[in-house]
C-alpha atoms as a PDB file:
ATOM      1  CA  UNK A   1       0.000   0.000   0.000  1.00  0.00           C
ATOM      2  CA  UNK A   2       1.348   3.385  -0.983  1.00  0.00           C
ATOM      3  CA  UNK A   3       0.740   6.578   0.934  1.00  0.00           C
ATOM      4  CA  UNK A   4       1.180  10.003  -0.695  1.00  0.00           C
ATOM      5  CA  UNK A   5       4.349  11.654   0.593  1.00  0.00           C
ATOM      6  CA  UNK A   6       2.466  14.892   1.208  1.00  0.00           C
ATOM      7  CA  UNK A   7       0.270  13.146   3.785  1.00  0.00           C
ATOM      8  CA  UNK A   8       3.085  11.467   5.683  1.00  0.00           C
ATOM      9  CA  UNK A   9       5.615  13.237   7.873  1.00  0.00           C
ATOM     10  CA  UNK A  10       8.155  10.429   8.149  1.00  0.00           C
ATOM     11  CA  UNK A  11      11.639  10.019   6.798  1.00  0.00           C
ATOM     12  CA  UNK A  12      12.342   7.235   4.309  1.00  0.00           C
ATOM     13  CA  UNK A  13      14.307   5.305   6.920  1.00  0.00           C
ATOM     14  CA  UNK A  14      11.440   5.574   9.395  1.00  0.00           C
ATOM     15  CA  UNK A  15       9.041   4.157   6.786  1.00  0.00           C
ATOM     16  CA  UNK A  16      11.360   1.280   5.963  1.00  0.00           C
ATOM     17  CA  UNK A  17      11.841   0.525   9.655  1.00  0.00           C
ATOM     18  CA  UNK A  18       8.095   0.496  10.308  1.00  0.00           C
ATOM     19  CA  UNK A  19       7.534  -1.863   7.367  1.00  0.00           C
ATOM     20  CA  UNK A  20      10.382  -4.097   8.537  1.00  0.00           C
ATOM     21  CA  UNK A  21       8.928  -4.334  12.033  1.00  0.00           C
ATOM     22  CA  UNK A  22       5.486  -5.026  10.602  1.00  0.00           C
ATOM     23  CA  UNK A  23       6.873  -7.883   8.477  1.00  0.00           C
ATOM     24  CA  UNK A  24       8.333  -9.379  11.641  1.00  0.00           C
ATOM     25  CA  UNK A  25       4.784  -9.683  12.979  1.00  0.00           C
ATOM     26  CA  UNK A  26       5.166  -7.057  15.676  1.00  0.00           C
ATOM     27  CA  UNK A  27       2.528  -4.488  16.505  1.00  0.00           C
ATOM     28  CA  UNK A  28       3.522  -0.855  16.021  1.00  0.00           C
ATOM     29  CA  UNK A  29       1.682   1.198  18.615  1.00  0.00           C
ATOM     30  CA  UNK A  30       2.756   4.575  17.251  1.00  0.00           C
ATOM     31  CA  UNK A  31      -0.273   6.112  15.436  1.00  0.00           C
ATOM     32  CA  UNK A  32       2.101   7.653  12.903  1.00  0.00           C
ATOM     33  CA  UNK A  33       2.809   4.165  11.559  1.00  0.00           C
ATOM     34  CA  UNK A  34      -0.804   2.984  11.401  1.00  0.00           C
ATOM     35  CA  UNK A  35      -1.068   3.186   7.591  1.00  0.00           C
ATOM     36  CA  UNK A  36       1.818   0.741   7.239  1.00  0.00           C
ATOM     37  CA  UNK A  37       0.048  -1.904   9.314  1.00  0.00           C
ATOM     38  CA  UNK A  38      -2.808  -2.475   6.861  1.00  0.00           C
END
């Protein structure tokens, strides 16, 4: 799922990290990462 850059205030590394954690099956509690947990 792609999210428009203009609607996300995260650095590229933060996005990659959130996706990596999500792939490991862990829950990301930070609301800023919610769109990457879909």
